[in-house]
Amino acid sequence: MRLCLRMAASRGHGLLVLGALGCGAFHNPPGEVAQCWREVLDEAEFSGGWWTEVWFAVYDRKNEGNFEVFDEVLGGLQV
């Protein structure tokens, strides 16, 4: 996660689209993944206004609640 953010920042990308890493076929718990993203995005290294917008592309084909969990954990977060 940190590497992905560092690469985007070092290349001057102002808009990010991130994913729900492994929450589909690999059945990673969406709450834990979303919380990990939140903790990393809250770190001092990433709070310098690197991005104007950060979006999460959350695939929830079977309506398993992945989208709702990510919205609950990350919705409204300012980075």
C-alpha atoms as a PDB file:
ATOM      1  CA  MET A   1       0.000   0.000   0.000  1.00  0.00           C
ATOM      2  CA  ARG A   2       2.722   2.441   0.971  1.00  0.00           C
ATOM      3  CA  LEU A   3       4.733   1.607  -2.130  1.00  0.00           C
ATOM      4  CA  CYS A   4       1.713   2.262  -4.344  1.00  0.00           C
ATOM      5  CA  LEU A   5       1.177   5.670  -2.722  1.00  0.00           C
ATOM      6  CA  ARG A   6       4.880   6.550  -2.886  1.00  0.00           C
ATOM      7  CA  MET A   7       5.044   5.671  -6.571  1.00  0.00           C
ATOM      8  CA  ALA A   8       1.988   7.804  -7.350  1.00  0.00           C
ATOM      9  CA  ALA A   9       3.382  10.747  -5.370  1.00  0.00           C
ATOM     10  CA  SER A  10       6.853  10.495  -6.890  1.00  0.00           C
ATOM     11  CA  ARG A  11       5.357  10.623 -10.380  1.00  0.00           C
ATOM     12  CA  GLY A  12       3.130  13.572  -9.589  1.00  0.00           C
ATOM     13  CA  HIS A  13      -0.207  11.808  -9.947  1.00  0.00           C
ATOM     14  CA  GLY A  14      -2.818  14.031  -8.330  1.00  0.00           C
ATOM     15  CA  LEU A  15      -5.786  11.704  -8.766  1.00  0.00           C
ATOM     16  CA  LEU A  16      -5.695   8.149  -7.467  1.00  0.00           C
ATOM     17  CA  VAL A  17      -7.958   5.181  -7.988  1.00  0.00           C
ATOM     18  CA  LEU A  18      -7.118   2.474  -5.468  1.00  0.00           C
ATOM     19  CA  GLY A  19      -8.616  -0.935  -4.967  1.00  0.00           C
ATOM     20  CA  ALA A  20     -10.042  -3.272  -2.369  1.00  0.00           C
ATOM     21  CA  LEU A  21      -6.958  -5.469  -2.404  1.00  0.00           C
ATOM     22  CA  GLY A  22      -7.937  -9.106  -2.410  1.00  0.00           C
ATOM     23  CA  CYS A  23     -11.518  -8.610  -1.227  1.00  0.00           C
ATOM     24  CA  GLY A  24     -12.975 -10.508  -4.172  1.00  0.00           C
ATOM     25  CA  ALA A  25     -11.623 -13.870  -5.249  1.00  0.00           C
ATOM     26  CA  PHE A  26      -9.089 -14.052  -2.412  1.00  0.00           C
ATOM     27  CA  HIS A  27     -11.700 -13.308   0.280  1.00  0.00           C
ATOM     28  CA  ASN A  28      -9.654 -10.799   2.272  1.00  0.00           C
ATOM     29  CA  PRO A  29     -11.878  -9.242   4.941  1.00  0.00           C
ATOM     30  CA  PRO A  30     -13.024  -5.883   3.533  1.00  0.00           C
ATOM     31  CA  GLY A  31     -13.110  -4.236   6.952  1.00  0.00           C
ATOM     32  CA  GLU A  32      -9.460  -5.062   7.587  1.00  0.00           C
ATOM     33  CA  VAL A  33      -8.358  -3.976   4.113  1.00  0.00           C
ATOM     34  CA  ALA A  34     -10.275  -0.704   4.347  1.00  0.00           C
ATOM     35  CA  GLN A  35      -8.864  -0.059   7.830  1.00  0.00           C
ATOM     36  CA  CYS A  36      -5.323  -0.726   6.563  1.00  0.00           C
ATOM     37  CA  TRP A  37      -5.843   1.817   3.768  1.00  0.00           C
ATOM     38  CA  ARG A  38      -7.182   4.315   6.314  1.00  0.00           C
ATOM     39  CA  GLU A  39      -4.231   3.834   8.662  1.00  0.00           C
ATOM     40  CA  VAL A  40      -1.720   4.223   5.839  1.00  0.00           C
ATOM     41  CA  LEU A  41      -3.458   7.289   4.392  1.00  0.00           C
ATOM     42  CA  ASP A  42      -3.502   8.838   7.889  1.00  0.00           C
ATOM     43  CA  GLU A  43       0.278   8.488   8.276  1.00  0.00           C
ATOM     44  CA  ALA A  44       2.271  11.733   8.334  1.00  0.00           C
ATOM     45  CA  GLU A  45       4.146  10.719   5.157  1.00  0.00           C
ATOM     46  CA  PHE A  46       0.923  10.815   3.147  1.00  0.00           C
ATOM     47  CA  SER A  47      -0.792  13.803   4.739  1.00  0.00           C
ATOM     48  CA  GLY A  48       1.047  16.442   2.738  1.00  0.00           C
ATOM     49  CA  GLY A  49      -1.692  17.121   0.220  1.00  0.00           C
ATOM     50  CA  TRP A  50      -0.149  14.879  -2.432  1.00  0.00           C
ATOM     51  CA  TRP A  51      -3.492  14.168  -4.084  1.00  0.00           C
ATOM     52  CA  THR A  52      -6.514  16.231  -5.000  1.00  0.00           C
ATOM     53  CA  GLU A  53      -8.769  13.156  -5.036  1.00  0.00           C
ATOM     54  CA  VAL A  54      -8.506   9.540  -3.954  1.00  0.00           C
ATOM     55  CA  TRP A  55     -11.153   7.085  -5.135  1.00  0.00           C
ATOM     56  CA  PHE A  56     -11.635   3.414  -4.314  1.00  0.00           C
ATOM     57  CA  ALA A  57     -12.839   1.057  -7.022  1.00  0.00           C
ATOM     58  CA  VAL A  58     -14.662  -1.607  -5.017  1.00  0.00           C
ATOM     59  CA  TYR A  59     -16.084  -4.519  -6.949  1.00  0.00           C
ATOM     60  CA  ASP A  60     -19.092  -5.993  -5.190  1.00  0.00           C
ATOM     61  CA  ARG A  61     -20.734  -8.192  -7.820  1.00  0.00           C
ATOM     62  CA  LYS A  62     -22.421 -10.526  -5.339  1.00  0.00           C
ATOM     63  CA  ASN A  63     -23.466  -7.665  -3.043  1.00  0.00           C
ATOM     64  CA  GLU A  64     -21.289  -9.016  -0.239  1.00  0.00           C
ATOM     65  CA  GLY A  65     -21.101  -5.632   1.448  1.00  0.00           C
ATOM     66  CA  ASN A  66     -17.593  -4.668   0.314  1.00  0.00           C
ATOM     67  CA  PHE A  67     -18.722  -1.276  -0.952  1.00  0.00           C
ATOM     68  CA  GLU A  68     -20.575  -0.408   2.241  1.00  0.00           C
ATOM     69  CA  VAL A  69     -17.604  -1.360   4.411  1.00  0.00           C
ATOM     70  CA  PHE A  70     -15.196   0.780   2.386  1.00  0.00           C
ATOM     71  CA  ASP A  71     -17.647   3.680   2.450  1.00  0.00           C
ATOM     72  CA  GLU A  72     -18.066   3.367   6.210  1.00  0.00           C
ATOM     73  CA  VAL A  73     -14.319   3.240   6.920  1.00  0.00           C
ATOM     74  CA  LEU A  74     -13.036   5.662   4.263  1.00  0.00           C
ATOM     75  CA  GLY A  75     -15.995   7.834   3.296  1.00  0.00           C
ATOM     76  CA  GLY A  76     -15.240  11.493   3.881  1.00  0.00           C
ATOM     77  CA  LEU A  77     -11.553  10.955   4.654  1.00  0.00           C
ATOM     78  CA  GLN A  78      -9.494  14.024   3.737  1.00  0.00           C
ATOM     79  CA  VAL A  79      -5.956  13.328   2.526  1.00  0.00           C
END
